[in-house]
Structures are given as structure tokens and as C-alpha cells.
Amino acid sequence: MGPVDAWVWWLIAAVGLGIPLVITAMPEFGMFAVGALAGAAVSGLGGGVVAQVIAFVAVSVALLVFVRPLAYRNRQHAGQRSGVDALKGRQAVVLERVDSGADGRIKLAGEVWSARSLEEGRVFDPGQQVDVVEIDGATAVVM
């Protein structure tokens, strides 16, 4: 077995940089991984070590300068909520009587949820509109 070609080392570096990308969800690691792929391509085409490093640095820096701001801008939208956070503050329709117990039912975002009243003693009858205050496990807390 002879020495390993440089392009193989660049591919190993790309995979090595891709692992923290998946674990941490930091796009910078992906940008460096793409830079390593550029280094592998230059090596595969017969470029020397200096050309490989220049390709790695140029592609990585270009991605950091142009793509990173776009990725962070799309990631930082405070108005975008997902999961149960997106359900808080929405209105729902009572399907079965809701009181402070967890045996009531509401229709929330097209799905049937178990529900209970936020206030002790407050009762909501079928057909009434309620506001979802929070989600407690699989139960919507309404008022």
C-alpha cells in the first residue's frame, strides 16, 4: 500500500468538518467542509499543495462572507415559532366541555387536543372559542 493521495486527505477533512455541522447545526463547519472539497478537487486535477490550500481558503472565505449572513438572517426570525410554541396564543373551538380537569376536548390547528381551563372553576361549553395559553404535555391550557 503506497502513500495516500492528497485528495483523500481533503475528503477526510471534509467529512471531519461535516460531523460537527450535523451535531452543532453551525453552518460555518459546512462552509469549511465545502472548502475542503474544493481542495480535494484541485488535488484530483493535479494541483500542487499551494493551489489546494488557496482553493480551500478562497472557497471557505467566499462562503463565510456571502452565505453566512444569509443563513443567520433566515435563522434569526423571531416571529417564526414552531412546534408547541406556535400553538400558544391561537384560538380553538371547544368540542367537549372544558373545565379545570384534563378531560375536555378542543379543535386546535385542525387537530383534536385534550384541554383544561387555566382558571379553577371556569367552564367552556362546546362551540365556544377559547384562547390557548400554553401546552402542558399533550393538554392545551385555555382561557
N, C-alpha and C. Protein backbone atom coordinates (compact mmCIF):
# COMPACT_ATOMS: atom_id res chain seq x y z
N MET A 1 0.86 -1.18 0.00
CA MET A 1 0.00 0.00 0.00
C MET A 1 0.90 1.24 0.00
N GLY A 2 0.72 2.10 -0.97
CA GLY A 2 1.54 3.30 -1.11
C GLY A 2 1.00 4.44 -0.28
N PRO A 3 1.64 5.58 -0.39
CA PRO A 3 1.16 6.76 0.34
C PRO A 3 -0.22 7.18 -0.15
N VAL A 4 -0.99 7.76 0.75
CA VAL A 4 -2.35 8.19 0.42
C VAL A 4 -2.28 9.50 -0.34
N ASP A 5 -3.06 9.58 -1.41
CA ASP A 5 -3.08 10.81 -2.20
C ASP A 5 -3.65 11.96 -1.38
N ALA A 6 -3.26 13.18 -1.75
CA ALA A 6 -3.69 14.37 -1.02
C ALA A 6 -5.20 14.57 -1.09
N TRP A 7 -5.82 14.20 -2.21
CA TRP A 7 -7.27 14.42 -2.34
C TRP A 7 -8.04 13.58 -1.33
N VAL A 8 -7.50 12.42 -0.95
CA VAL A 8 -8.15 11.59 0.05
C VAL A 8 -8.12 12.30 1.41
N TRP A 9 -6.99 12.93 1.74
CA TRP A 9 -6.90 13.67 2.98
C TRP A 9 -7.88 14.84 3.00
N TRP A 10 -8.06 15.49 1.85
CA TRP A 10 -9.04 16.58 1.78
C TRP A 10 -10.46 16.05 2.00
N LEU A 11 -10.76 14.88 1.43
CA LEU A 11 -12.08 14.28 1.65
C LEU A 11 -12.29 13.90 3.11
N ILE A 12 -11.25 13.37 3.74
CA ILE A 12 -11.34 13.04 5.17
C ILE A 12 -11.59 14.32 5.97
N ALA A 13 -10.90 15.41 5.60
CA ALA A 13 -11.12 16.69 6.28
C ALA A 13 -12.55 17.19 6.07
N ALA A 14 -13.08 17.01 4.87
CA ALA A 14 -14.45 17.44 4.59
C ALA A 14 -15.45 16.66 5.44
N VAL A 15 -15.26 15.37 5.55
CA VAL A 15 -16.14 14.56 6.39
C VAL A 15 -15.97 14.96 7.85
N GLY A 16 -14.72 15.15 8.26
CA GLY A 16 -14.45 15.57 9.64
C GLY A 16 -15.10 16.89 9.98
N LEU A 17 -15.17 17.81 9.02
CA LEU A 17 -15.83 19.09 9.25
C LEU A 17 -17.34 18.97 9.13
N GLY A 18 -17.82 17.97 8.43
CA GLY A 18 -19.26 17.77 8.29
C GLY A 18 -19.89 17.20 9.56
N ILE A 19 -19.12 16.45 10.32
CA ILE A 19 -19.66 15.85 11.55
C ILE A 19 -20.08 16.92 12.55
N PRO A 20 -19.21 17.91 12.88
CA PRO A 20 -19.68 18.95 13.81
C PRO A 20 -20.82 19.79 13.23
N LEU A 21 -20.90 19.89 11.90
CA LEU A 21 -22.02 20.60 11.29
C LEU A 21 -23.33 19.93 11.67
N VAL A 22 -23.36 18.63 11.59
CA VAL A 22 -24.58 17.89 11.91
C VAL A 22 -24.87 17.94 13.40
N ILE A 23 -23.83 17.83 14.22
CA ILE A 23 -24.03 17.79 15.67
C ILE A 23 -24.43 19.15 16.23
N THR A 24 -23.77 20.22 15.77
CA THR A 24 -24.00 21.55 16.34
C THR A 24 -24.92 22.43 15.52
N ALA A 25 -25.20 22.05 14.29
CA ALA A 25 -26.03 22.85 13.38
C ALA A 25 -25.43 24.23 13.15
N MET A 26 -24.11 24.32 13.17
CA MET A 26 -23.42 25.58 12.86
C MET A 26 -23.01 25.55 11.40
N PRO A 27 -23.55 26.43 10.57
CA PRO A 27 -23.28 26.36 9.14
C PRO A 27 -21.82 26.62 8.77
N GLU A 28 -21.05 27.23 9.65
CA GLU A 28 -19.65 27.50 9.33
C GLU A 28 -18.88 26.21 9.06
N PHE A 29 -19.17 25.16 9.81
CA PHE A 29 -18.50 23.89 9.58
C PHE A 29 -18.79 23.37 8.18
N GLY A 30 -20.01 23.53 7.72
CA GLY A 30 -20.35 23.12 6.37
C GLY A 30 -19.61 23.91 5.32
N MET A 31 -19.40 25.19 5.59
CA MET A 31 -18.68 26.03 4.64
C MET A 31 -17.21 25.61 4.55
N PHE A 32 -16.62 25.26 5.68
CA PHE A 32 -15.25 24.76 5.66
C PHE A 32 -15.18 23.38 4.99
N ALA A 33 -16.22 22.57 5.18
CA ALA A 33 -16.26 21.26 4.53
C ALA A 33 -16.31 21.42 3.01
N VAL A 34 -17.08 22.38 2.53
CA VAL A 34 -17.12 22.64 1.08
C VAL A 34 -15.76 23.14 0.60
N GLY A 35 -15.09 23.97 1.41
CA GLY A 35 -13.74 24.41 1.08
C GLY A 35 -12.78 23.23 0.97
N ALA A 36 -12.92 22.25 1.87
CA ALA A 36 -12.08 21.06 1.80
C ALA A 36 -12.38 20.25 0.54
N LEU A 37 -13.64 20.22 0.13
CA LEU A 37 -13.98 19.55 -1.13
C LEU A 37 -13.33 20.26 -2.32
N ALA A 38 -13.25 21.58 -2.26
CA ALA A 38 -12.57 22.33 -3.32
C ALA A 38 -11.08 21.98 -3.33
N GLY A 39 -10.48 21.85 -2.16
CA GLY A 39 -9.08 21.42 -2.09
C GLY A 39 -8.89 20.03 -2.67
N ALA A 40 -9.85 19.12 -2.41
CA ALA A 40 -9.78 17.77 -2.98
C ALA A 40 -9.89 17.82 -4.49
N ALA A 41 -10.77 18.68 -5.01
CA ALA A 41 -10.94 18.79 -6.46
C ALA A 41 -9.66 19.29 -7.12
N VAL A 42 -9.04 20.30 -6.53
CA VAL A 42 -7.79 20.84 -7.08
C VAL A 42 -6.70 19.77 -7.03
N SER A 43 -6.65 19.02 -5.93
CA SER A 43 -5.67 17.94 -5.82
C SER A 43 -5.92 16.86 -6.86
N GLY A 44 -7.19 16.50 -7.06
CA GLY A 44 -7.54 15.49 -8.05
C GLY A 44 -7.21 15.91 -9.47
N LEU A 45 -7.24 17.22 -9.71
CA LEU A 45 -6.89 17.74 -11.04
C LEU A 45 -5.39 17.94 -11.21
N GLY A 46 -4.62 17.60 -10.18
CA GLY A 46 -3.17 17.67 -10.30
C GLY A 46 -2.54 18.94 -9.74
N GLY A 47 -3.30 19.75 -9.05
CA GLY A 47 -2.76 20.98 -8.48
C GLY A 47 -1.84 20.69 -7.31
N GLY A 48 -0.90 21.57 -7.10
CA GLY A 48 0.05 21.41 -6.00
C GLY A 48 -0.57 21.77 -4.66
N VAL A 49 0.22 21.59 -3.62
CA VAL A 49 -0.25 21.85 -2.26
C VAL A 49 -0.66 23.30 -2.09
N VAL A 50 0.10 24.23 -2.66
CA VAL A 50 -0.23 25.65 -2.53
C VAL A 50 -1.57 25.95 -3.20
N ALA A 51 -1.80 25.40 -4.37
CA ALA A 51 -3.07 25.61 -5.08
C ALA A 51 -4.23 24.99 -4.29
N GLN A 52 -4.01 23.86 -3.66
CA GLN A 52 -5.05 23.21 -2.87
C GLN A 52 -5.44 24.07 -1.68
N VAL A 53 -4.44 24.59 -0.98
CA VAL A 53 -4.70 25.42 0.19
C VAL A 53 -5.38 26.72 -0.23
N ILE A 54 -4.94 27.30 -1.35
CA ILE A 54 -5.58 28.53 -1.84
C ILE A 54 -7.05 28.26 -2.18
N ALA A 55 -7.34 27.13 -2.82
CA ALA A 55 -8.73 26.79 -3.16
C ALA A 55 -9.55 26.61 -1.89
N PHE A 56 -8.99 25.92 -0.89
CA PHE A 56 -9.69 25.72 0.38
C PHE A 56 -10.00 27.06 1.04
N VAL A 57 -9.00 27.92 1.14
CA VAL A 57 -9.19 29.21 1.79
C VAL A 57 -10.15 30.09 1.00
N ALA A 58 -10.00 30.15 -0.32
CA ALA A 58 -10.84 31.02 -1.16
C ALA A 58 -12.31 30.62 -1.08
N VAL A 59 -12.59 29.33 -1.20
CA VAL A 59 -13.98 28.87 -1.17
C VAL A 59 -14.56 29.05 0.23
N SER A 60 -13.79 28.71 1.26
CA SER A 60 -14.29 28.86 2.63
C SER A 60 -14.59 30.32 2.96
N VAL A 61 -13.67 31.21 2.61
CA VAL A 61 -13.87 32.64 2.90
C VAL A 61 -15.05 33.18 2.10
N ALA A 62 -15.15 32.80 0.82
CA ALA A 62 -16.26 33.28 0.00
C ALA A 62 -17.60 32.84 0.59
N LEU A 63 -17.69 31.61 1.04
CA LEU A 63 -18.93 31.13 1.65
C LEU A 63 -19.21 31.85 2.97
N LEU A 64 -18.17 32.07 3.76
CA LEU A 64 -18.36 32.79 5.02
C LEU A 64 -18.83 34.22 4.79
N VAL A 65 -18.28 34.86 3.77
CA VAL A 65 -18.61 36.27 3.51
C VAL A 65 -20.00 36.41 2.89
N PHE A 66 -20.36 35.52 1.97
CA PHE A 66 -21.61 35.71 1.23
C PHE A 66 -22.78 34.87 1.74
N VAL A 67 -22.53 33.64 2.14
CA VAL A 67 -23.63 32.75 2.52
C VAL A 67 -23.97 32.85 4.01
N ARG A 68 -22.95 33.00 4.86
CA ARG A 68 -23.19 33.04 6.30
C ARG A 68 -24.19 34.12 6.72
N PRO A 69 -24.07 35.36 6.21
CA PRO A 69 -25.07 36.37 6.60
C PRO A 69 -26.49 35.98 6.19
N LEU A 70 -26.65 35.35 5.04
CA LEU A 70 -27.98 34.91 4.61
C LEU A 70 -28.51 33.82 5.53
N ALA A 71 -27.64 32.89 5.91
CA ALA A 71 -28.07 31.80 6.79
C ALA A 71 -28.50 32.33 8.14
N TYR A 72 -27.74 33.27 8.70
CA TYR A 72 -28.10 33.81 10.01
C TYR A 72 -29.35 34.69 9.95
N ARG A 73 -29.53 35.40 8.85
CA ARG A 73 -30.72 36.23 8.71
C ARG A 73 -31.97 35.36 8.69
N ASN A 74 -31.93 34.26 7.98
CA ASN A 74 -33.08 33.36 7.92
C ASN A 74 -33.28 32.61 9.23
N ARG A 75 -32.22 32.40 9.98
CA ARG A 75 -32.28 31.67 11.23
C ARG A 75 -32.79 32.53 12.38
N GLN A 76 -32.64 33.83 12.31
CA GLN A 76 -32.91 34.73 13.42
C GLN A 76 -34.31 35.33 13.43
N HIS A 77 -35.20 34.90 12.54
CA HIS A 77 -36.55 35.46 12.52
C HIS A 77 -37.25 35.14 13.83
N ALA A 78 -37.42 36.16 14.66
CA ALA A 78 -38.03 35.96 15.98
C ALA A 78 -39.51 35.63 15.85
N GLY A 79 -40.16 36.08 14.78
CA GLY A 79 -41.58 35.86 14.61
C GLY A 79 -41.93 34.44 14.22
N GLN A 80 -40.95 33.65 13.86
CA GLN A 80 -41.22 32.28 13.45
C GLN A 80 -41.11 31.36 14.65
N ARG A 81 -42.24 30.77 15.01
CA ARG A 81 -42.26 29.80 16.09
C ARG A 81 -42.64 28.46 15.51
N SER A 82 -42.18 27.41 16.14
CA SER A 82 -42.50 26.08 15.65
C SER A 82 -42.90 25.18 16.80
N GLY A 83 -43.42 24.02 16.47
CA GLY A 83 -43.83 23.07 17.48
C GLY A 83 -44.96 23.61 18.35
N VAL A 84 -44.93 23.27 19.63
CA VAL A 84 -45.99 23.71 20.52
C VAL A 84 -45.94 25.21 20.76
N ASP A 85 -44.78 25.83 20.58
CA ASP A 85 -44.69 27.29 20.74
C ASP A 85 -45.57 28.00 19.71
N ALA A 86 -45.72 27.41 18.54
CA ALA A 86 -46.54 28.02 17.50
C ALA A 86 -48.03 27.95 17.84
N LEU A 87 -48.42 27.07 18.76
CA LEU A 87 -49.82 26.92 19.12
C LEU A 87 -50.26 27.89 20.22
N LYS A 88 -49.32 28.38 20.99
CA LYS A 88 -49.65 29.31 22.07
C LYS A 88 -50.21 30.60 21.47
N GLY A 89 -51.30 31.08 22.05
CA GLY A 89 -51.92 32.31 21.57
C GLY A 89 -52.93 32.10 20.46
N ARG A 90 -53.07 30.90 19.96
CA ARG A 90 -54.05 30.63 18.90
C ARG A 90 -55.42 30.39 19.50
N GLN A 91 -56.41 30.54 18.65
CA GLN A 91 -57.79 30.27 19.08
C GLN A 91 -58.17 28.85 18.71
N ALA A 92 -59.06 28.29 19.51
CA ALA A 92 -59.54 26.94 19.28
C ALA A 92 -61.04 26.90 19.55
N VAL A 93 -61.69 25.85 19.10
CA VAL A 93 -63.12 25.66 19.30
C VAL A 93 -63.31 24.48 20.26
N VAL A 94 -64.15 24.68 21.24
CA VAL A 94 -64.42 23.63 22.23
C VAL A 94 -65.31 22.57 21.58
N LEU A 95 -64.88 21.30 21.68
CA LEU A 95 -65.66 20.18 21.16
C LEU A 95 -66.42 19.48 22.27
N GLU A 96 -65.75 19.29 23.41
CA GLU A 96 -66.37 18.70 24.59
C GLU A 96 -66.07 19.62 25.77
N ARG A 97 -66.99 19.69 26.69
CA ARG A 97 -66.89 20.61 27.82
C ARG A 97 -65.49 20.64 28.43
N VAL A 98 -64.97 21.86 28.62
CA VAL A 98 -63.64 22.06 29.19
C VAL A 98 -63.79 22.74 30.54
N ASP A 99 -63.17 22.14 31.55
CA ASP A 99 -63.12 22.76 32.88
C ASP A 99 -61.69 22.62 33.40
N SER A 100 -61.49 22.71 34.70
CA SER A 100 -60.13 22.65 35.23
C SER A 100 -59.54 21.24 35.22
N GLY A 101 -60.35 20.23 34.90
CA GLY A 101 -59.84 18.87 34.71
C GLY A 101 -59.28 18.74 33.30
N ALA A 102 -58.60 17.66 33.01
CA ALA A 102 -57.98 17.49 31.69
C ALA A 102 -58.79 16.59 30.77
N ASP A 103 -60.12 16.55 30.95
CA ASP A 103 -60.93 15.66 30.13
C ASP A 103 -61.71 16.37 29.04
N GLY A 104 -61.53 17.66 28.86
CA GLY A 104 -62.20 18.40 27.79
C GLY A 104 -61.48 18.20 26.47
N ARG A 105 -62.14 18.56 25.37
CA ARG A 105 -61.56 18.44 24.03
C ARG A 105 -61.78 19.73 23.28
N ILE A 106 -60.75 20.13 22.52
CA ILE A 106 -60.83 21.30 21.64
C ILE A 106 -60.28 20.93 20.27
N LYS A 107 -60.66 21.75 19.29
CA LYS A 107 -60.07 21.59 17.96
C LYS A 107 -59.11 22.76 17.78
N LEU A 108 -57.83 22.42 17.69
CA LEU A 108 -56.76 23.41 17.60
C LEU A 108 -55.91 23.10 16.38
N ALA A 109 -55.81 24.06 15.48
CA ALA A 109 -55.00 23.91 14.27
C ALA A 109 -55.37 22.64 13.49
N GLY A 110 -56.66 22.36 13.45
CA GLY A 110 -57.14 21.21 12.69
C GLY A 110 -57.02 19.88 13.40
N GLU A 111 -56.53 19.87 14.64
CA GLU A 111 -56.37 18.64 15.39
C GLU A 111 -57.17 18.70 16.68
N VAL A 112 -57.56 17.54 17.16
CA VAL A 112 -58.29 17.46 18.42
C VAL A 112 -57.28 17.30 19.55
N TRP A 113 -57.39 18.19 20.54
CA TRP A 113 -56.50 18.18 21.71
C TRP A 113 -57.31 18.02 22.98
N SER A 114 -56.71 17.37 23.97
CA SER A 114 -57.32 17.41 25.29
C SER A 114 -57.04 18.80 25.85
N ALA A 115 -57.94 19.29 26.69
CA ALA A 115 -57.80 20.65 27.18
C ALA A 115 -58.30 20.77 28.60
N ARG A 116 -57.77 21.78 29.29
CA ARG A 116 -58.26 22.14 30.62
C ARG A 116 -58.24 23.65 30.74
N SER A 117 -59.07 24.14 31.63
CA SER A 117 -59.19 25.58 31.84
C SER A 117 -58.03 26.09 32.69
N LEU A 118 -57.55 27.27 32.37
CA LEU A 118 -56.50 27.90 33.15
C LEU A 118 -57.00 28.28 34.54
N GLU A 119 -58.22 28.81 34.57
CA GLU A 119 -58.80 29.27 35.83
C GLU A 119 -59.65 28.19 36.48
N GLU A 120 -59.42 27.96 37.75
CA GLU A 120 -60.21 26.99 38.51
C GLU A 120 -61.68 27.42 38.49
N GLY A 121 -62.57 26.51 38.17
CA GLY A 121 -64.00 26.82 38.19
C GLY A 121 -64.52 27.39 36.88
N ARG A 122 -63.69 27.76 35.95
CA ARG A 122 -64.14 28.30 34.66
C ARG A 122 -64.49 27.13 33.74
N VAL A 123 -65.65 27.22 33.11
CA VAL A 123 -66.14 26.15 32.24
C VAL A 123 -66.41 26.71 30.85
N PHE A 124 -66.04 25.95 29.84
CA PHE A 124 -66.31 26.32 28.45
C PHE A 124 -67.15 25.22 27.83
N ASP A 125 -68.22 25.62 27.17
CA ASP A 125 -69.13 24.65 26.57
C ASP A 125 -68.80 24.46 25.09
N PRO A 126 -69.26 23.33 24.51
CA PRO A 126 -68.99 23.07 23.10
C PRO A 126 -69.45 24.22 22.20
N GLY A 127 -68.62 24.53 21.22
CA GLY A 127 -68.91 25.61 20.28
C GLY A 127 -68.26 26.93 20.65
N GLN A 128 -67.85 27.10 21.90
CA GLN A 128 -67.22 28.36 22.31
C GLN A 128 -65.80 28.46 21.76
N GLN A 129 -65.37 29.71 21.52
CA GLN A 129 -63.99 29.99 21.12
C GLN A 129 -63.16 30.17 22.39
N VAL A 130 -61.98 29.59 22.42
CA VAL A 130 -61.07 29.76 23.55
C VAL A 130 -59.69 30.13 23.02
N ASP A 131 -58.89 30.74 23.89
CA ASP A 131 -57.50 31.07 23.55
C ASP A 131 -56.57 30.10 24.24
N VAL A 132 -55.59 29.59 23.51
CA VAL A 132 -54.62 28.66 24.08
C VAL A 132 -53.54 29.48 24.77
N VAL A 133 -53.38 29.23 26.07
CA VAL A 133 -52.39 29.95 26.86
C VAL A 133 -51.05 29.22 26.86
N GLU A 134 -51.11 27.90 26.99
CA GLU A 134 -49.89 27.11 26.97
C GLU A 134 -50.24 25.67 26.63
N ILE A 135 -49.20 24.89 26.37
CA ILE A 135 -49.36 23.47 26.12
C ILE A 135 -48.62 22.75 27.24
N ASP A 136 -49.35 21.92 27.98
CA ASP A 136 -48.78 21.17 29.10
C ASP A 136 -48.80 19.70 28.73
N GLY A 137 -47.68 19.20 28.22
CA GLY A 137 -47.64 17.83 27.71
C GLY A 137 -48.50 17.71 26.48
N ALA A 138 -49.55 16.89 26.54
CA ALA A 138 -50.48 16.75 25.42
C ALA A 138 -51.79 17.45 25.70
N THR A 139 -51.80 18.36 26.67
CA THR A 139 -53.02 19.07 27.06
C THR A 139 -52.86 20.55 26.82
N ALA A 140 -53.83 21.14 26.14
CA ALA A 140 -53.84 22.59 25.92
C ALA A 140 -54.50 23.25 27.11
N VAL A 141 -53.86 24.28 27.64
CA VAL A 141 -54.43 25.06 28.73
C VAL A 141 -55.07 26.30 28.09
N VAL A 142 -56.38 26.48 28.34
CA VAL A 142 -57.13 27.51 27.62
C VAL A 142 -57.79 28.49 28.57
N MET A 143 -58.18 29.63 28.01
CA MET A 143 -58.95 30.61 28.77
C MET A 143 -59.91 31.31 27.82
